[in-house]
Amino acid sequence: MKTRWPLLWLALHRRRRMLVALMVGMVAFEALIVVVANTIEPGQLFSAGGKGPPSAYRAFSGSGGDVSIASYPGLLGAG
């Protein structure tokens, strides 16, 4: 593989410290996201303070507000 693309391997070798730092930063960021997501319960995270979903979400999802965005159908509809 190294004989096939020697310039690519040279570029990766020269930037190995930068790539390792980028990888460590990405792992730390993802770990932080997991910690934050686990501390807040989905009902509290996606609720609108008891008022129900906003009218724009109801119009977009076509559910009339019956489907919570914290559920699998709600996430699929929002996606």
PDB file of N, CA and C in Angstrom:
ATOM      1  N   MET A   1       0.818  -1.189   0.000  1.00  0.00           N
ATOM      2  CA  MET A   1       0.000   0.000   0.000  1.00  0.00           C
ATOM      3  C   MET A   1       0.866   1.260   0.000  1.00  0.00           C
ATOM      4  N   LYS A   2       1.997   1.222   0.716  1.00  0.00           N
ATOM      5  CA  LYS A   2       2.861   2.401   0.777  1.00  0.00           C
ATOM      6  C   LYS A   2       3.533   2.669  -0.566  1.00  0.00           C
ATOM      7  N   THR A   3       3.769   1.616  -1.321  1.00  0.00           N
ATOM      8  CA  THR A   3       4.401   1.823  -2.629  1.00  0.00           C
ATOM      9  C   THR A   3       3.408   2.344  -3.649  1.00  0.00           C
ATOM     10  N   ARG A   4       2.132   2.190  -3.353  1.00  0.00           N
ATOM     11  CA  ARG A   4       1.118   2.642  -4.302  1.00  0.00           C
ATOM     12  C   ARG A   4       0.917   4.146  -4.262  1.00  0.00           C
ATOM     13  N   TRP A   5       0.831   4.713  -3.081  1.00  0.00           N
ATOM     14  CA  TRP A   5       0.624   6.149  -2.902  1.00  0.00           C
ATOM     15  C   TRP A   5       1.680   6.709  -1.961  1.00  0.00           C
ATOM     16  N   PRO A   6       2.879   6.883  -2.420  1.00  0.00           N
ATOM     17  CA  PRO A   6       3.951   7.317  -1.507  1.00  0.00           C
ATOM     18  C   PRO A   6       3.756   8.740  -0.996  1.00  0.00           C
ATOM     19  N   LEU A   7       3.191   9.632  -1.791  1.00  0.00           N
ATOM     20  CA  LEU A   7       2.997  11.011  -1.320  1.00  0.00           C
ATOM     21  C   LEU A   7       1.929  11.097  -0.234  1.00  0.00           C
ATOM     22  N   LEU A   8       0.907  10.258  -0.341  1.00  0.00           N
ATOM     23  CA  LEU A   8      -0.120  10.233   0.701  1.00  0.00           C
ATOM     24  C   LEU A   8       0.472   9.767   2.026  1.00  0.00           C
ATOM     25  N   TRP A   9       1.257   8.697   1.994  1.00  0.00           N
ATOM     26  CA  TRP A   9       1.863   8.190   3.217  1.00  0.00           C
ATOM     27  C   TRP A   9       2.866   9.179   3.798  1.00  0.00           C
ATOM     28  N   LEU A  10       3.576   9.887   2.935  1.00  0.00           N
ATOM     29  CA  LEU A  10       4.511  10.901   3.421  1.00  0.00           C
ATOM     30  C   LEU A  10       3.761  12.040   4.106  1.00  0.00           C
ATOM     31  N   ALA A  11       2.656  12.460   3.503  1.00  0.00           N
ATOM     32  CA  ALA A  11       1.857  13.537   4.104  1.00  0.00           C
ATOM     33  C   ALA A  11       1.274  13.101   5.450  1.00  0.00           C
ATOM     34  N   LEU A  12       0.778  11.872   5.526  1.00  0.00           N
ATOM     35  CA  LEU A  12       0.236  11.378   6.795  1.00  0.00           C
ATOM     36  C   LEU A  12       1.323  11.231   7.852  1.00  0.00           C
ATOM     37  N   HIS A  13       2.497  10.797   7.435  1.00  0.00           N
ATOM     38  CA  HIS A  13       3.598  10.639   8.382  1.00  0.00           C
ATOM     39  C   HIS A  13       4.049  11.993   8.936  1.00  0.00           C
ATOM     40  N   ARG A  14       4.094  12.996   8.085  1.00  0.00           N
ATOM     41  CA  ARG A  14       4.529  14.324   8.544  1.00  0.00           C
ATOM     42  C   ARG A  14       3.492  14.988   9.452  1.00  0.00           C
ATOM     43  N   ARG A  15       2.256  14.638   9.288  1.00  0.00           N
ATOM     44  CA  ARG A  15       1.194  15.264  10.080  1.00  0.00           C
ATOM     45  C   ARG A  15       0.663  14.339  11.166  1.00  0.00           C
ATOM     46  N   ARG A  16       1.458  13.377  11.583  1.00  0.00           N
ATOM     47  CA  ARG A  16       0.979  12.391  12.542  1.00  0.00           C
ATOM     48  C   ARG A  16       0.634  13.000  13.889  1.00  0.00           C
ATOM     49  N   ARG A  17       1.391  13.983  14.354  1.00  0.00           N
ATOM     50  CA  ARG A  17       1.069  14.611  15.645  1.00  0.00           C
ATOM     51  C   ARG A  17      -0.236  15.391  15.557  1.00  0.00           C
ATOM     52  N   MET A  18      -0.436  16.086  14.456  1.00  0.00           N
ATOM     53  CA  MET A  18      -1.668  16.833  14.275  1.00  0.00           C
ATOM     54  C   MET A  18      -2.874  15.881  14.207  1.00  0.00           C
ATOM     55  N   LEU A  19      -2.716  14.768  13.508  1.00  0.00           N
ATOM     56  CA  LEU A  19      -3.811  13.808  13.394  1.00  0.00           C
ATOM     57  C   LEU A  19      -4.121  13.146  14.731  1.00  0.00           C
ATOM     58  N   VAL A  20      -3.105  12.848  15.520  1.00  0.00           N
ATOM     59  CA  VAL A  20      -3.332  12.272  16.849  1.00  0.00           C
ATOM     60  C   VAL A  20      -4.037  13.288  17.748  1.00  0.00           C
ATOM     61  N   ALA A  21      -3.621  14.549  17.695  1.00  0.00           N
ATOM     62  CA  ALA A  21      -4.273  15.590  18.500  1.00  0.00           C
ATOM     63  C   ALA A  21      -5.727  15.773  18.069  1.00  0.00           C
ATOM     64  N   LEU A  22      -5.986  15.722  16.781  1.00  0.00           N
ATOM     65  CA  LEU A  22      -7.352  15.833  16.286  1.00  0.00           C
ATOM     66  C   LEU A  22      -8.203  14.655  16.756  1.00  0.00           C
ATOM     67  N   MET A  23      -7.638  13.463  16.727  1.00  0.00           N
ATOM     68  CA  MET A  23      -8.362  12.285  17.178  1.00  0.00           C
ATOM     69  C   MET A  23      -8.659  12.349  18.675  1.00  0.00           C
ATOM     70  N   VAL A  24      -7.684  12.779  19.460  1.00  0.00           N
ATOM     71  CA  VAL A  24      -7.900  12.910  20.907  1.00  0.00           C
ATOM     72  C   VAL A  24      -8.969  13.958  21.188  1.00  0.00           C
ATOM     73  N   GLY A  25      -8.942  15.053  20.467  1.00  0.00           N
ATOM     74  CA  GLY A  25      -9.962  16.090  20.637  1.00  0.00           C
ATOM     75  C   GLY A  25     -11.355  15.607  20.275  1.00  0.00           C
ATOM     76  N   MET A  26     -11.453  14.826  19.215  1.00  0.00           N
ATOM     77  CA  MET A  26     -12.757  14.290  18.825  1.00  0.00           C
ATOM     78  C   MET A  26     -13.289  13.299  19.856  1.00  0.00           C
ATOM     79  N   VAL A  27     -12.423  12.469  20.398  1.00  0.00           N
ATOM     80  CA  VAL A  27     -12.849  11.514  21.423  1.00  0.00           C
ATOM     81  C   VAL A  27     -13.296  12.258  22.680  1.00  0.00           C
ATOM     82  N   ALA A  28     -12.574  13.290  23.075  1.00  0.00           N
ATOM     83  CA  ALA A  28     -12.965  14.072  24.253  1.00  0.00           C
ATOM     84  C   ALA A  28     -14.298  14.778  24.025  1.00  0.00           C
ATOM     85  N   PHE A  29     -14.507  15.312  22.832  1.00  0.00           N
ATOM     86  CA  PHE A  29     -15.766  15.987  22.520  1.00  0.00           C
ATOM     87  C   PHE A  29     -16.931  15.001  22.555  1.00  0.00           C
ATOM     88  N   GLU A  30     -16.757  13.838  21.954  1.00  0.00           N
ATOM     89  CA  GLU A  30     -17.824  12.838  21.958  1.00  0.00           C
ATOM     90  C   GLU A  30     -18.112  12.336  23.366  1.00  0.00           C
ATOM     91  N   ALA A  31     -17.081  12.182  24.184  1.00  0.00           N
ATOM     92  CA  ALA A  31     -17.290  11.766  25.571  1.00  0.00           C
ATOM     93  C   ALA A  31     -18.072  12.838  26.332  1.00  0.00           C
ATOM     94  N   LEU A  32     -17.775  14.089  26.071  1.00  0.00           N
ATOM     95  CA  LEU A  32     -18.508  15.182  26.714  1.00  0.00           C
ATOM     96  C   LEU A  32     -19.967  15.187  26.280  1.00  0.00           C
ATOM     97  N   ILE A  33     -20.217  14.931  25.007  1.00  0.00           N
ATOM     98  CA  ILE A  33     -21.595  14.879  24.523  1.00  0.00           C
ATOM     99  C   ILE A  33     -22.357  13.740  25.207  1.00  0.00           C
ATOM    100  N   VAL A  34     -21.715  12.590  25.372  1.00  0.00           N
ATOM    101  CA  VAL A  34     -22.367  11.453  26.035  1.00  0.00           C
ATOM    102  C   VAL A  34     -22.675  11.794  27.488  1.00  0.00           C
ATOM    103  N   VAL A  35     -21.746  12.443  28.172  1.00  0.00           N
ATOM    104  CA  VAL A  35     -21.973  12.815  29.574  1.00  0.00           C
ATOM    105  C   VAL A  35     -23.131  13.795  29.687  1.00  0.00           C
ATOM    106  N   VAL A  36     -23.166  14.794  28.829  1.00  0.00           N
ATOM    107  CA  VAL A  36     -24.249  15.785  28.872  1.00  0.00           C
ATOM    108  C   VAL A  36     -25.579  15.145  28.518  1.00  0.00           C
ATOM    109  N   ALA A  37     -25.590  14.280  27.508  1.00  0.00           N
ATOM    110  CA  ALA A  37     -26.842  13.632  27.103  1.00  0.00           C
ATOM    111  C   ALA A  37     -27.372  12.715  28.200  1.00  0.00           C
ATOM    112  N   ASN A  38     -26.501  12.103  28.975  1.00  0.00           N
ATOM    113  CA  ASN A  38     -26.961  11.214  30.046  1.00  0.00           C
ATOM    114  C   ASN A  38     -27.418  11.965  31.285  1.00  0.00           C
ATOM    115  N   THR A  39     -26.988  13.205  31.473  1.00  0.00           N
ATOM    116  CA  THR A  39     -27.401  13.941  32.668  1.00  0.00           C
ATOM    117  C   THR A  39     -28.780  14.565  32.519  1.00  0.00           C
ATOM    118  N   ILE A  40     -29.207  14.821  31.295  1.00  0.00           N
ATOM    119  CA  ILE A  40     -30.512  15.446  31.070  1.00  0.00           C
ATOM    120  C   ILE A  40     -31.452  14.392  30.507  1.00  0.00           C
ATOM    121  N   GLU A  41     -32.600  14.233  31.112  1.00  0.00           N
ATOM    122  CA  GLU A  41     -33.547  13.246  30.618  1.00  0.00           C
ATOM    123  C   GLU A  41     -34.231  13.763  29.348  1.00  0.00           C
ATOM    124  N   PRO A  42     -34.571  12.873  28.427  1.00  0.00           N
ATOM    125  CA  PRO A  42     -35.116  13.300  27.136  1.00  0.00           C
ATOM    126  C   PRO A  42     -36.401  14.115  27.247  1.00  0.00           C
ATOM    127  N   GLY A  43     -37.237  13.788  28.196  1.00  0.00           N
ATOM    128  CA  GLY A  43     -38.474  14.551  28.356  1.00  0.00           C
ATOM    129  C   GLY A  43     -38.219  16.009  28.702  1.00  0.00           C
ATOM    130  N   GLN A  44     -37.222  16.246  29.519  1.00  0.00           N
ATOM    131  CA  GLN A  44     -36.884  17.617  29.896  1.00  0.00           C
ATOM    132  C   GLN A  44     -36.139  18.327  28.778  1.00  0.00           C
ATOM    133  N   LEU A  45     -35.327  17.592  28.059  1.00  0.00           N
ATOM    134  CA  LEU A  45     -34.519  18.184  27.001  1.00  0.00           C
ATOM    135  C   LEU A  45     -35.372  18.667  25.839  1.00  0.00           C
ATOM    136  N   PHE A  46     -36.378  17.895  25.472  1.00  0.00           N
ATOM    137  CA  PHE A  46     -37.166  18.219  24.290  1.00  0.00           C
ATOM    138  C   PHE A  46     -38.523  18.818  24.599  1.00  0.00           C
ATOM    139  N   SER A  47     -38.841  19.053  25.854  1.00  0.00           N
ATOM    140  CA  SER A  47     -40.148  19.627  26.169  1.00  0.00           C
ATOM    141  C   SER A  47     -40.084  21.143  26.042  1.00  0.00           C
ATOM    142  N   ALA A  48     -41.217  21.717  25.820  1.00  0.00           N
ATOM    143  CA  ALA A  48     -41.310  23.173  25.680  1.00  0.00           C
ATOM    144  C   ALA A  48     -41.923  23.789  26.929  1.00  0.00           C
ATOM    145  N   GLY A  49     -41.584  23.279  28.083  1.00  0.00           N
ATOM    146  CA  GLY A  49     -42.078  23.839  29.335  1.00  0.00           C
ATOM    147  C   GLY A  49     -43.544  23.532  29.591  1.00  0.00           C
ATOM    148  N   GLY A  50     -44.048  22.426  29.072  1.00  0.00           N
ATOM    149  CA  GLY A  50     -45.437  22.058  29.299  1.00  0.00           C
ATOM    150  C   GLY A  50     -46.393  22.655  28.301  1.00  0.00           C
ATOM    151  N   LYS A  51     -45.925  23.496  27.386  1.00  0.00           N
ATOM    152  CA  LYS A  51     -46.806  24.132  26.409  1.00  0.00           C
ATOM    153  C   LYS A  51     -47.040  23.253  25.192  1.00  0.00           C
ATOM    154  N   GLY A  52     -46.295  22.145  25.093  1.00  0.00           N
ATOM    155  CA  GLY A  52     -46.410  21.304  23.918  1.00  0.00           C
ATOM    156  C   GLY A  52     -45.417  21.758  22.859  1.00  0.00           C
ATOM    157  N   PRO A  53     -45.347  21.022  21.760  1.00  0.00           N
ATOM    158  CA  PRO A  53     -44.382  21.398  20.727  1.00  0.00           C
ATOM    159  C   PRO A  53     -44.786  22.679  20.020  1.00  0.00           C
ATOM    160  N   PRO A  54     -43.841  23.419  19.491  1.00  0.00           N
ATOM    161  CA  PRO A  54     -44.174  24.652  18.783  1.00  0.00           C
ATOM    162  C   PRO A  54     -44.983  24.353  17.523  1.00  0.00           C
ATOM    163  N   SER A  55     -45.713  25.339  17.057  1.00  0.00           N
ATOM    164  CA  SER A  55     -46.578  25.134  15.898  1.00  0.00           C
ATOM    165  C   SER A  55     -45.784  24.809  14.646  1.00  0.00           C
ATOM    166  N   ALA A  56     -44.554  25.327  14.534  1.00  0.00           N
ATOM    167  CA  ALA A  56     -43.734  25.010  13.364  1.00  0.00           C
ATOM    168  C   ALA A  56     -43.387  23.521  13.351  1.00  0.00           C
ATOM    169  N   TYR A  57     -43.120  22.932  14.514  1.00  0.00           N
ATOM    170  CA  TYR A  57     -42.827  21.503  14.565  1.00  0.00           C
ATOM    171  C   TYR A  57     -44.067  20.692  14.226  1.00  0.00           C
ATOM    172  N   ARG A  58     -45.203  21.110  14.744  1.00  0.00           N
ATOM    173  CA  ARG A  58     -46.443  20.383  14.433  1.00  0.00           C
ATOM    174  C   ARG A  58     -46.728  20.424  12.936  1.00  0.00           C
ATOM    175  N   ALA A  59     -46.513  21.566  12.305  1.00  0.00           N
ATOM    176  CA  ALA A  59     -46.748  21.676  10.871  1.00  0.00           C
ATOM    177  C   ALA A  59     -45.739  20.853  10.082  1.00  0.00           C
ATOM    178  N   PHE A  60     -44.494  20.839  10.547  1.00  0.00           N
ATOM    179  CA  PHE A  60     -43.447  20.098   9.842  1.00  0.00           C
ATOM    180  C   PHE A  60     -43.641  18.593   9.965  1.00  0.00           C
ATOM    181  N   SER A  61     -43.987  18.135  11.165  1.00  0.00           N
ATOM    182  CA  SER A  61     -44.078  16.698  11.387  1.00  0.00           C
ATOM    183  C   SER A  61     -45.384  16.114  10.877  1.00  0.00           C
ATOM    184  N   GLY A  62     -46.423  16.930  10.794  1.00  0.00           N
ATOM    185  CA  GLY A  62     -47.716  16.438  10.336  1.00  0.00           C
ATOM    186  C   GLY A  62     -48.422  15.582  11.370  1.00  0.00           C
ATOM    187  N   SER A  63     -47.960  15.608  12.612  1.00  0.00           N
ATOM    188  CA  SER A  63     -48.546  14.745  13.637  1.00  0.00           C
ATOM    189  C   SER A  63     -49.608  15.454  14.463  1.00  0.00           C
ATOM    190  N   GLY A  64     -49.750  16.742  14.308  1.00  0.00           N
ATOM    191  CA  GLY A  64     -50.697  17.471  15.135  1.00  0.00           C
ATOM    192  C   GLY A  64     -50.222  17.619  16.573  1.00  0.00           C
ATOM    193  N   GLY A  65     -48.960  17.327  16.835  1.00  0.00           N
ATOM    194  CA  GLY A  65     -48.406  17.463  18.172  1.00  0.00           C
ATOM    195  C   GLY A  65     -48.563  16.227  19.029  1.00  0.00           C
ATOM    196  N   ASP A  66     -49.033  15.124  18.456  1.00  0.00           N
ATOM    197  CA  ASP A  66     -49.246  13.906  19.233  1.00  0.00           C
ATOM    198  C   ASP A  66     -47.969  13.115  19.443  1.00  0.00           C
ATOM    199  N   VAL A  67     -46.974  13.311  18.593  1.00  0.00           N
ATOM    200  CA  VAL A  67     -45.734  12.546  18.667  1.00  0.00           C
ATOM    201  C   VAL A  67     -44.662  13.400  19.322  1.00  0.00           C
ATOM    202  N   SER A  68     -44.036  12.871  20.373  1.00  0.00           N
ATOM    203  CA  SER A  68     -42.962  13.588  21.053  1.00  0.00           C
ATOM    204  C   SER A  68     -41.687  13.509  20.218  1.00  0.00           C
ATOM    205  N   ILE A  69     -40.948  14.594  20.166  1.00  0.00           N
ATOM    206  CA  ILE A  69     -39.699  14.593  19.397  1.00  0.00           C
ATOM    207  C   ILE A  69     -38.645  13.719  20.085  1.00  0.00           C
ATOM    208  N   ALA A  70     -38.848  13.401  21.375  1.00  0.00           N
ATOM    209  CA  ALA A  70     -37.908  12.545  22.093  1.00  0.00           C
ATOM    210  C   ALA A  70     -38.116  11.062  21.791  1.00  0.00           C
ATOM    211  N   SER A  71     -39.168  10.728  21.074  1.00  0.00           N
ATOM    212  CA  SER A  71     -39.411   9.322  20.724  1.00  0.00           C
ATOM    213  C   SER A  71     -38.759   9.003  19.379  1.00  0.00           C
ATOM    214  N   TYR A  72     -38.683   7.710  19.065  1.00  0.00           N
ATOM    215  CA  TYR A  72     -38.084   7.317  17.790  1.00  0.00           C
ATOM    216  C   TYR A  72     -38.870   7.857  16.580  1.00  0.00           C
ATOM    217  N   PRO A  73     -40.200   7.772  16.567  1.00  0.00           N
ATOM    218  CA  PRO A  73     -40.916   8.353  15.422  1.00  0.00           C
ATOM    219  C   PRO A  73     -40.723   9.870  15.320  1.00  0.00           C
ATOM    220  N   GLY A  74     -40.627  10.539  16.466  1.00  0.00           N
ATOM    221  CA  GLY A  74     -40.422  11.988  16.434  1.00  0.00           C
ATOM    222  C   GLY A  74     -39.056  12.351  15.887  1.00  0.00           C
ATOM    223  N   LEU A  75     -38.023  11.597  16.304  1.00  0.00           N
ATOM    224  CA  LEU A  75     -36.687  11.866  15.789  1.00  0.00           C
ATOM    225  C   LEU A  75     -36.590  11.557  14.303  1.00  0.00           C
ATOM    226  N   LEU A  76     -37.230  10.481  13.862  1.00  0.00           N
ATOM    227  CA  LEU A  76     -37.227  10.164  12.441  1.00  0.00           C
ATOM    228  C   LEU A  76     -37.977  11.215  11.639  1.00  0.00           C
ATOM    229  N   GLY A  77     -39.071  11.713  12.179  1.00  0.00           N
ATOM    230  CA  GLY A  77     -39.829  12.758  11.478  1.00  0.00           C
ATOM    231  C   GLY A  77     -39.067  14.065  11.408  1.00  0.00           C
ATOM    232  N   ALA A  78     -38.340  14.396  12.463  1.00  0.00           N
ATOM    233  CA  ALA A  78     -37.565  15.638  12.470  1.00  0.00           C
ATOM    234  C   ALA A  78     -36.329  15.531  11.597  1.00  0.00           C
ATOM    235  N   GLY A  79     -35.840  14.303  11.422  1.00  0.00           N
ATOM    236  CA  GLY A  79     -34.629  14.111  10.624  1.00  0.00           C
ATOM    237  C   GLY A  79     -34.911  14.236   9.172  1.00  0.00           C
TER     238      GLY A  79
END
